[in-house]
Amino acid sequence: MRRILVAAAAVVAAFSALLPTAGAQNLANCSTASQNRYVLDVMRDIYYWDTELPATVNTSGYASPEALLEAVRYRPLDEHFSYIGARATEEAFYSDSQFVGFGFANSYDGQGLRILQIFPDSPAAETGMQRGDRITTINGQSVVTLVAAGTIGTALGPSQEGYSIRFRYERADGSATDASMAKRAVTIPTVSVLNVYEVDGRKIGYLFFRNFVTPSRQALDDAFNALRDVGATELVLDLRYNGGGLVSIAQHLASLIGGTRTEGQVFAEYFHNSRNAFRNEVTRFEHKDNTLSLQRLVVVTTGGSASASELVINALRPFIPVTTVGETTYGKPVGQYGITFCDKVLYPVAFTLRNALGQGDYFSGIAADCPAGDDADHQLGDPAEASLAEALTVVRTGRCSAPPVSAAPQRRRESTKLDTLPPSRGLEQLIGAH
């Protein structure tokens, strides 16, 4: 028997339970051999694609449980979803919205690392770096060269306090700054931006929401109370770079948005493998006193919008019109159980989630109804920023500024410029930052 955390679409959900599995009695100690056997036993029991696992696995042939997981995962659907993380690191993220890093989110644009967001009170913030800047060198080497050689991840270093780099970043005006910074604990503000705009006499709320973790509940309540107090009747929910988080927070956010229209309706239905069908259940939208009871919703997305972000969109669509603006989302309609062992947590994909109409399986992502760029030349929350400007156009006119180029959904990574960077997984994928 062991304590578990329940995760949805690459992230931990708010359930606490004891999950007995075949592997529960097989962790004799924390030797590599014992951990390998344990991970395989858990996968054979709870893994959603259990029938796709290799029939025979020599657990002694792998140098670590991480290596074993990498070998047995079901491809192509589970390229990066199932993972093993460090227990202390996982708990810091989900409990306190913290990670060890420099404090910036970025993309790669062919010239360097384009800064998309800076977290306050972080090493990156202290250097004066801001959205729109571009890191061009790290420890004397050009970022272009590091990316081409596949060593950019090594240059940015491990999740370890004190790891430092020297770097140069450039501004749009061509000025350059040389600085250094060392990794430390960084707190991600879950509600990073909250604004209100007046459009044609209506007050439009704008909420940039960064992750679905425990502190998000209070942050969302405070944000929705503020929006209600100023009389906001519309909402632009910005989920770009939001890799997911707790299912309970997704349920909370969707309930705040849907209000009386969704209260008591099906939020999501869980489906497990045949051995665990008894775990299948229906969760419902909740009653909230501070709801905006919106009649429609506009959501900004990028290729980094995953998991619980996609769950909110999919869960609301049977009940209110939801228009997505920006880029196709990542594509992760499955979830995990977080199972602690030794000093680690195993997150095997264990279930899929479908909405009230039985819709799910969006492994190619949720296509943007109104395509728009992630405009790093403008700050987040600036109504002139391309994606927000398009969202406000949708609010004002009820339609996109231009017809979508194609109605066909894109593959989840075609809409992002991160393809040339090492693939992120696990908590790195969730945080979407360094």
Protein backbone atom coordinates (compact mmCIF):
# COMPACT_ATOMS: atom_id res chain seq x y z
CA MET A 1 0.00 0.00 0.00
CA ARG A 2 1.28 3.49 -0.73
CA ARG A 3 0.22 7.10 -0.87
CA ILE A 4 -0.60 8.26 -4.37
CA LEU A 5 -1.25 11.47 -6.18
CA VAL A 6 -3.62 11.31 -9.12
CA ALA A 7 -2.56 13.12 -12.25
CA ALA A 8 -4.46 14.18 -15.34
CA ALA A 9 -3.03 14.80 -18.75
CA ALA A 10 0.56 14.78 -17.53
CA VAL A 11 -0.32 16.26 -14.20
CA VAL A 12 -1.33 15.33 -10.68
CA ALA A 13 -4.99 15.41 -9.74
CA ALA A 14 -6.48 16.29 -6.41
CA PHE A 15 -7.42 12.82 -5.35
CA SER A 16 -5.70 11.19 -2.39
CA ALA A 17 -6.14 7.49 -2.12
CA LEU A 18 -4.46 4.18 -1.53
CA LEU A 19 -3.88 2.33 -4.74
CA PRO A 20 -3.09 -1.35 -4.21
CA THR A 21 -1.43 -2.86 -7.26
CA ALA A 22 0.48 -5.97 -8.11
CA GLY A 23 3.70 -4.06 -7.60
CA ALA A 24 2.80 -2.83 -4.11
CA GLN A 25 4.43 -5.75 -2.31
CA ASN A 26 7.47 -6.08 -4.55
CA LEU A 27 9.65 -3.16 -3.49
CA ALA A 28 11.98 -5.07 -1.21
CA ASN A 29 14.48 -2.22 -0.97
CA CYS A 30 15.74 0.74 -2.99
CA SER A 31 18.37 -1.13 -4.97
CA THR A 32 18.22 -0.63 -8.72
CA ALA A 33 17.09 -4.21 -9.25
CA SER A 34 14.22 -3.83 -6.80
CA GLN A 35 13.13 -0.48 -8.23
CA ASN A 36 13.18 -1.90 -11.76
CA ARG A 37 10.96 -4.83 -10.78
CA TYR A 38 8.62 -2.51 -8.94
CA VAL A 39 8.19 -0.14 -11.88
CA LEU A 40 7.50 -3.00 -14.28
CA ASP A 41 4.93 -4.55 -11.91
CA VAL A 42 3.13 -1.23 -11.53
CA MET A 43 3.11 -0.72 -15.29
CA ARG A 44 1.67 -4.18 -15.89
CA ASP A 45 -1.13 -3.39 -13.47
CA ILE A 46 -2.21 0.22 -13.99
CA TYR A 47 -0.74 1.33 -17.36
CA TYR A 48 -3.51 2.41 -19.74
CA TRP A 49 -1.83 0.59 -22.64
CA ASP A 50 -0.99 -2.48 -20.55
CA THR A 51 -1.66 -4.85 -23.46
CA GLU A 52 1.06 -3.08 -25.48
CA LEU A 53 3.83 -3.74 -22.96
CA PRO A 54 6.53 -6.23 -23.98
CA ALA A 55 5.62 -9.77 -23.01
CA THR A 56 9.07 -10.41 -21.55
CA VAL A 57 11.27 -7.82 -19.86
CA ASN A 58 14.67 -8.53 -18.32
CA THR A 59 14.55 -5.99 -15.49
CA SER A 60 18.19 -6.63 -14.58
CA GLY A 61 19.22 -5.38 -18.01
CA TYR A 62 18.48 -1.74 -17.22
CA ALA A 63 20.71 0.65 -15.34
CA SER A 64 17.81 2.48 -13.70
CA PRO A 65 14.01 2.43 -13.40
CA GLU A 66 13.99 5.46 -15.71
CA ALA A 67 15.79 3.44 -18.40
CA LEU A 68 13.34 0.58 -17.99
CA LEU A 69 10.36 2.90 -18.32
CA GLU A 70 11.84 4.42 -21.44
CA ALA A 71 12.21 0.96 -22.97
CA VAL A 72 8.71 -0.37 -22.27
CA ARG A 73 6.53 2.72 -22.82
CA TYR A 74 3.96 2.45 -25.65
CA ARG A 75 5.01 4.47 -28.66
CA PRO A 76 4.01 6.50 -30.54
CA LEU A 77 1.26 7.73 -28.19
CA ASP A 78 3.34 7.68 -25.01
CA GLU A 79 6.50 9.37 -26.23
CA HIS A 80 6.87 11.69 -23.26
CA PHE A 81 3.86 11.29 -20.96
CA SER A 82 4.84 8.58 -18.46
CA TYR A 83 7.84 9.55 -16.39
CA ILE A 84 9.70 9.19 -13.10
CA GLY A 85 10.44 12.33 -11.11
CA ALA A 86 12.28 13.26 -7.94
CA ARG A 87 9.81 13.19 -5.06
CA ALA A 88 10.97 16.43 -3.39
CA THR A 89 10.90 18.31 -6.70
CA GLU A 90 7.42 17.08 -7.61
CA GLU A 91 6.01 17.97 -4.20
CA ALA A 92 7.52 21.47 -4.32
CA PHE A 93 5.81 22.13 -7.66
CA TYR A 94 2.37 20.82 -6.81
CA SER A 95 2.29 22.13 -3.24
CA ASP A 96 4.00 25.51 -3.65
CA SER A 97 4.19 26.22 -7.40
CA GLN A 98 7.97 26.17 -7.15
CA PHE A 99 10.83 24.76 -9.19
CA VAL A 100 14.60 25.13 -9.22
CA GLY A 101 15.69 27.20 -12.19
CA PHE A 102 16.56 30.60 -13.63
CA GLY A 103 12.97 31.79 -13.93
CA PHE A 104 12.32 32.25 -17.65
CA ALA A 105 10.17 30.59 -20.31
CA ASN A 106 11.41 30.62 -23.88
CA SER A 107 11.13 29.40 -27.44
CA TYR A 108 13.85 28.95 -30.04
CA ASP A 109 13.49 31.21 -33.08
CA GLY A 110 16.60 30.28 -35.07
CA GLN A 111 18.62 33.14 -33.63
CA GLY A 112 18.54 32.32 -29.94
CA LEU A 113 16.25 31.63 -27.02
CA ARG A 114 13.40 34.13 -27.31
CA ILE A 115 12.14 35.06 -23.85
CA LEU A 116 8.39 34.56 -23.48
CA GLN A 117 7.91 35.08 -19.75
CA ILE A 118 9.98 36.12 -16.74
CA PHE A 119 8.88 35.04 -13.28
CA PRO A 120 9.12 37.74 -10.59
CA ASP A 121 11.84 37.61 -7.93
CA SER A 122 13.82 35.12 -10.01
CA PRO A 123 17.48 35.14 -11.07
CA ALA A 124 16.38 36.03 -14.61
CA ALA A 125 14.28 38.95 -13.36
CA GLU A 126 17.26 40.27 -11.40
CA THR A 127 19.33 40.52 -14.57
CA GLY A 128 16.73 42.85 -16.11
CA MET A 129 15.67 40.34 -18.75
CA GLN A 130 12.09 40.64 -20.03
CA ARG A 131 9.68 39.16 -22.56
CA GLY A 132 10.92 39.72 -26.07
CA ASP A 133 14.63 39.60 -25.26
CA ARG A 134 16.78 36.92 -26.90
CA ILE A 135 19.55 34.91 -25.25
CA THR A 136 22.26 34.52 -27.89
CA THR A 137 25.19 32.99 -25.99
CA ILE A 138 25.58 30.70 -22.98
CA ASN A 139 29.00 30.32 -21.35
CA GLY A 140 30.64 31.85 -24.41
CA GLN A 141 28.98 29.55 -26.95
CA SER A 142 26.28 30.67 -29.34
CA VAL A 143 22.82 29.28 -28.69
CA VAL A 144 22.49 28.47 -32.39
CA THR A 145 25.58 26.25 -32.18
CA LEU A 146 24.38 24.60 -28.96
CA VAL A 147 20.99 23.81 -30.46
CA ALA A 148 22.53 22.44 -33.66
CA ALA A 149 24.80 20.19 -31.60
CA GLY A 150 21.93 19.03 -29.39
CA THR A 151 23.70 20.30 -26.27
CA ILE A 152 21.45 23.21 -25.29
CA GLY A 153 19.95 21.17 -22.46
CA THR A 154 23.39 20.43 -21.06
CA ALA A 155 24.32 24.11 -21.28
CA LEU A 156 21.22 25.14 -19.34
CA GLY A 157 22.15 22.59 -16.71
CA PRO A 158 20.41 20.32 -14.22
CA SER A 159 17.66 21.23 -11.78
CA GLN A 160 20.20 22.03 -9.12
CA GLU A 161 20.48 25.07 -6.88
CA GLY A 162 23.67 27.01 -7.49
CA TYR A 163 24.20 25.88 -11.09
CA SER A 164 25.23 29.07 -12.88
CA ILE A 165 25.70 30.27 -16.44
CA ARG A 166 27.15 33.33 -18.11
CA PHE A 167 25.05 34.58 -20.99
CA ARG A 168 24.31 37.44 -23.32
CA TYR A 169 20.84 38.64 -24.16
CA GLU A 170 19.80 41.17 -26.76
CA ARG A 171 16.91 43.59 -26.89
CA ALA A 172 14.81 44.41 -29.93
CA ASP A 173 16.76 47.67 -30.34
CA GLY A 174 19.99 45.70 -30.77
CA SER A 175 21.49 46.52 -27.39
CA ALA A 176 23.16 43.62 -25.59
CA THR A 177 23.68 42.78 -21.93
CA ASP A 178 26.19 40.30 -20.51
CA ALA A 179 25.19 38.79 -17.18
CA SER A 180 25.30 35.67 -15.08
CA MET A 181 22.72 33.89 -12.96
CA ALA A 182 22.51 30.85 -10.72
CA LYS A 183 19.58 28.51 -10.31
CA ARG A 184 17.52 28.63 -7.13
CA ALA A 185 13.95 28.02 -6.02
CA VAL A 186 11.58 30.06 -8.17
CA THR A 187 7.87 30.56 -7.48
CA ILE A 188 5.58 30.60 -10.51
CA PRO A 189 2.66 33.03 -10.05
CA THR A 190 -0.33 30.89 -11.01
CA VAL A 191 -2.36 33.92 -12.03
CA SER A 192 0.42 35.85 -13.76
CA VAL A 193 -1.64 38.67 -15.28
CA LEU A 194 -5.15 39.95 -14.49
CA ASN A 195 -6.52 42.85 -16.54
CA VAL A 196 -9.87 44.34 -17.49
CA TYR A 197 -10.52 45.99 -20.87
CA GLU A 198 -13.57 47.91 -22.01
CA VAL A 199 -14.79 46.90 -25.44
CA ASP A 200 -17.94 48.45 -26.89
CA GLY A 201 -19.16 49.30 -23.40
CA ARG A 202 -18.52 45.81 -22.04
CA LYS A 203 -15.89 44.92 -19.46
CA ILE A 204 -13.69 42.08 -20.65
CA GLY A 205 -11.61 40.18 -18.12
CA TYR A 206 -8.20 38.86 -19.11
CA LEU A 207 -6.63 36.12 -17.00
CA PHE A 208 -3.22 34.71 -17.83
CA PHE A 209 -3.19 31.40 -15.95
CA ARG A 210 0.14 29.61 -15.66
CA ASN A 211 -0.37 26.26 -13.87
CA PHE A 212 -2.89 24.07 -12.09
CA VAL A 213 -1.38 23.54 -8.63
CA THR A 214 -2.56 23.84 -5.03
CA PRO A 215 -2.00 27.62 -4.66
CA SER A 216 -4.02 28.15 -7.85
CA ARG A 217 -7.34 27.64 -6.04
CA GLN A 218 -7.00 30.77 -3.91
CA ALA A 219 -5.43 32.73 -6.75
CA LEU A 220 -8.35 31.89 -9.04
CA ASP A 221 -10.91 32.73 -6.37
CA ASP A 222 -9.26 36.10 -5.82
CA ALA A 223 -9.14 36.75 -9.58
CA PHE A 224 -12.77 35.85 -10.18
CA ASN A 225 -13.89 37.91 -7.17
CA ALA A 226 -12.00 40.89 -8.61
CA LEU A 227 -13.50 40.38 -12.08
CA ARG A 228 -17.00 40.06 -10.65
CA ASP A 229 -16.53 43.18 -8.51
CA VAL A 230 -15.69 45.32 -11.55
CA GLY A 231 -18.60 43.90 -13.54
CA ALA A 232 -16.74 41.82 -16.11
CA THR A 233 -19.17 39.98 -18.38
CA GLU A 234 -16.67 38.34 -20.76
CA LEU A 235 -13.41 36.48 -20.22
CA VAL A 236 -10.27 35.84 -22.24
CA LEU A 237 -8.49 32.93 -20.55
CA ASP A 238 -4.84 32.79 -21.59
CA LEU A 239 -3.39 29.29 -21.22
CA ARG A 240 -0.30 29.64 -23.39
CA TYR A 241 2.70 27.77 -21.90
CA ASN A 242 0.39 26.15 -19.32
CA GLY A 243 1.41 22.49 -19.32
CA GLY A 244 -1.25 21.44 -16.82
CA GLY A 245 -1.59 20.56 -13.17
CA LEU A 246 -4.16 19.27 -10.75
CA VAL A 247 -7.42 17.93 -12.13
CA SER A 248 -9.26 19.40 -9.16
CA ILE A 249 -8.01 22.86 -10.13
CA ALA A 250 -9.17 22.31 -13.71
CA GLN A 251 -12.57 21.33 -12.32
CA HIS A 252 -12.54 24.42 -10.06
CA LEU A 253 -11.63 26.79 -12.90
CA ALA A 254 -14.17 25.31 -15.32
CA SER A 255 -16.88 25.57 -12.63
CA LEU A 256 -16.03 29.24 -12.02
CA ILE A 257 -16.42 29.84 -15.75
CA GLY A 258 -19.56 27.77 -16.36
CA GLY A 259 -21.51 28.76 -13.26
CA THR A 260 -25.17 27.79 -13.18
CA ARG A 261 -25.07 26.58 -16.79
CA THR A 262 -22.75 23.73 -15.90
CA GLU A 263 -23.37 23.11 -12.18
CA GLY A 264 -23.94 19.37 -11.61
CA GLN A 265 -23.22 18.49 -15.25
CA VAL A 266 -20.54 16.01 -16.30
CA PHE A 267 -17.11 17.60 -16.16
CA ALA A 268 -15.11 14.54 -17.20
CA GLU A 269 -15.36 10.77 -17.25
CA TYR A 270 -12.38 8.55 -16.47
CA PHE A 271 -11.58 5.37 -18.42
CA HIS A 272 -8.87 2.91 -17.26
CA ASN A 273 -7.56 -0.39 -18.63
CA SER A 274 -9.80 -3.46 -18.27
CA ARG A 275 -8.07 -4.58 -15.06
CA ASN A 276 -8.89 -1.25 -13.42
CA ALA A 277 -12.32 -0.61 -14.89
CA PHE A 278 -13.69 -0.43 -11.35
CA ARG A 279 -11.84 2.91 -11.05
CA ASN A 280 -13.84 4.47 -13.88
CA GLU A 281 -15.90 7.37 -12.61
CA VAL A 282 -17.70 10.55 -13.56
CA THR A 283 -16.74 13.91 -12.07
CA ARG A 284 -19.08 16.90 -12.23
CA PHE A 285 -18.95 20.67 -12.37
CA GLU A 286 -19.26 22.18 -8.91
CA HIS A 287 -21.32 24.98 -7.39
CA LYS A 288 -19.30 28.19 -6.95
CA ASP A 289 -20.45 31.38 -5.25
CA ASN A 290 -18.01 33.60 -7.15
CA THR A 291 -18.74 32.39 -10.66
CA LEU A 292 -18.99 34.78 -13.59
CA SER A 293 -21.62 32.53 -15.25
CA LEU A 294 -20.16 33.30 -18.66
CA GLN A 295 -22.19 32.80 -21.80
CA ARG A 296 -19.08 32.08 -23.83
CA LEU A 297 -15.31 31.79 -23.42
CA VAL A 298 -12.28 32.76 -25.48
CA VAL A 299 -9.09 30.82 -24.74
CA VAL A 300 -5.56 31.64 -25.92
CA THR A 301 -3.42 28.56 -26.54
CA THR A 302 -0.01 27.55 -27.86
CA GLY A 303 1.75 24.25 -28.44
CA GLY A 304 2.71 24.42 -24.77
CA SER A 305 -0.94 24.35 -23.61
CA ALA A 306 -1.41 20.78 -22.43
CA SER A 307 -3.15 18.44 -20.06
CA ALA A 308 -5.43 20.22 -17.63
CA SER A 309 -5.45 23.23 -19.97
CA GLU A 310 -6.93 21.09 -22.71
CA LEU A 311 -9.24 19.43 -20.21
CA VAL A 312 -10.87 22.78 -19.33
CA ILE A 313 -11.54 23.50 -23.00
CA ASN A 314 -12.89 20.02 -23.74
CA ALA A 315 -15.05 19.87 -20.60
CA LEU A 316 -16.74 23.23 -21.23
CA ARG A 317 -17.47 22.84 -24.94
CA PRO A 318 -20.62 20.73 -24.54
CA PHE A 319 -22.19 23.54 -22.49
CA ILE A 320 -20.94 26.94 -23.66
CA PRO A 321 -19.30 28.22 -26.85
CA VAL A 322 -15.51 28.07 -26.45
CA THR A 323 -13.35 29.74 -29.12
CA THR A 324 -9.62 28.98 -29.13
CA VAL A 325 -7.19 31.61 -30.38
CA GLY A 326 -3.50 31.16 -31.11
CA GLU A 327 -1.95 27.79 -31.92
CA THR A 328 -2.86 24.10 -31.77
CA THR A 329 -2.47 22.74 -28.24
CA TYR A 330 0.00 20.01 -27.26
CA GLY A 331 -2.38 17.02 -27.33
CA LYS A 332 -2.61 15.06 -24.09
CA PRO A 333 -6.04 13.60 -23.25
CA VAL A 334 -4.62 11.00 -20.85
CA GLY A 335 -3.67 11.12 -17.19
CA GLN A 336 -1.45 9.47 -14.62
CA TYR A 337 -1.36 8.14 -11.11
CA GLY A 338 1.63 9.48 -9.22
CA ILE A 339 3.02 6.57 -7.20
CA THR A 340 5.78 7.25 -4.69
CA PHE A 341 8.66 4.80 -4.16
CA CYS A 342 12.01 5.41 -2.50
CA ASP A 343 12.82 9.09 -3.24
CA LYS A 344 10.97 9.06 -6.56
CA VAL A 345 7.48 9.28 -8.05
CA LEU A 346 6.35 7.12 -10.96
CA TYR A 347 3.71 8.67 -13.23
CA PRO A 348 2.41 5.98 -15.60
CA VAL A 349 -0.38 6.94 -17.99
CA ALA A 350 -3.35 5.25 -16.34
CA PHE A 351 -6.55 6.67 -17.83
CA THR A 352 -8.10 8.83 -20.51
CA LEU A 353 -10.62 11.60 -19.92
CA ARG A 354 -13.71 12.38 -22.01
CA ASN A 355 -16.27 15.12 -21.75
CA ALA A 356 -20.06 14.92 -21.38
CA LEU A 357 -20.40 14.07 -25.09
CA GLY A 358 -17.81 11.32 -24.90
CA GLN A 359 -15.24 13.45 -26.72
CA GLY A 360 -11.52 13.06 -26.06
CA ASP A 361 -8.52 11.39 -27.69
CA TYR A 362 -7.17 14.69 -29.04
CA PHE A 363 -3.62 13.37 -29.33
CA SER A 364 -3.04 15.73 -32.27
CA GLY A 365 -4.00 18.67 -30.09
CA ILE A 366 -6.98 21.00 -30.10
CA ALA A 367 -6.73 23.17 -33.20
CA ALA A 368 -7.05 26.94 -32.84
CA ASP A 369 -10.35 28.25 -34.18
CA CYS A 370 -8.67 31.59 -34.87
CA PRO A 371 -4.93 31.26 -35.57
CA ALA A 372 -2.69 33.96 -34.13
CA GLY A 373 0.96 34.31 -33.26
CA ASP A 374 2.59 34.37 -29.85
CA ASP A 375 3.80 37.95 -30.22
CA ALA A 376 6.86 38.34 -28.00
CA ASP A 377 7.35 41.88 -29.33
CA HIS A 378 4.56 42.87 -26.94
CA GLN A 379 4.16 42.12 -23.26
CA LEU A 380 1.56 39.66 -21.98
CA GLY A 381 -1.69 41.50 -21.36
CA ASP A 382 -0.94 44.22 -23.93
CA PRO A 383 -4.09 44.49 -26.10
CA ALA A 384 -1.81 45.01 -29.11
CA GLU A 385 -0.18 41.57 -28.61
CA ALA A 386 -1.24 39.42 -31.56
CA SER A 387 -3.05 36.60 -29.75
CA LEU A 388 -4.79 38.90 -27.26
CA ALA A 389 -5.72 41.31 -30.05
CA GLU A 390 -7.32 38.42 -31.94
CA ALA A 391 -9.13 37.27 -28.79
CA LEU A 392 -10.55 40.76 -28.27
CA THR A 393 -11.65 40.78 -31.92
CA VAL A 394 -13.55 37.55 -31.29
CA VAL A 395 -15.19 39.07 -28.22
CA ARG A 396 -16.14 42.21 -30.14
CA THR A 397 -17.34 40.63 -33.40
CA GLY A 398 -18.05 37.01 -32.57
CA ARG A 399 -15.74 35.82 -35.33
CA CYS A 400 -12.09 35.52 -36.32
CA SER A 401 -10.40 38.45 -38.01
CA ALA A 402 -9.65 36.13 -40.95
CA PRO A 403 -10.82 32.61 -41.86
CA PRO A 404 -8.54 29.81 -40.60
CA VAL A 405 -6.08 28.64 -43.23
CA SER A 406 -7.29 25.06 -42.82
CA ALA A 407 -9.93 23.38 -40.73
CA ALA A 408 -7.77 20.27 -40.44
CA PRO A 409 -6.14 19.78 -37.03
CA GLN A 410 -2.38 20.13 -36.97
CA ARG A 411 0.01 17.74 -35.33
CA ARG A 412 0.70 18.98 -31.85
CA ARG A 413 4.26 20.18 -32.44
CA GLU A 414 3.71 21.81 -35.83
CA SER A 415 2.48 24.98 -34.13
CA THR A 416 5.56 25.59 -31.99
CA LYS A 417 9.14 26.56 -32.70
CA LEU A 418 10.51 24.24 -30.06
CA ASP A 419 11.02 21.33 -32.44
CA THR A 420 14.77 21.86 -32.61
CA LEU A 421 15.13 21.78 -28.83
CA PRO A 422 15.40 18.54 -26.84
CA PRO A 423 11.91 17.15 -26.13
CA SER A 424 10.68 18.01 -22.66
CA ARG A 425 8.87 15.53 -20.49
CA GLY A 426 7.53 15.12 -17.01
CA LEU A 427 7.75 18.13 -14.74
CA GLU A 428 9.87 19.99 -17.28
CA GLN A 429 7.00 19.72 -19.73
CA LEU A 430 4.53 20.95 -17.12
CA ILE A 431 6.59 23.94 -16.04
CA GLY A 432 7.64 24.93 -19.54
CA ALA A 433 10.47 27.07 -18.19
CA HIS A 434 14.09 27.00 -17.07
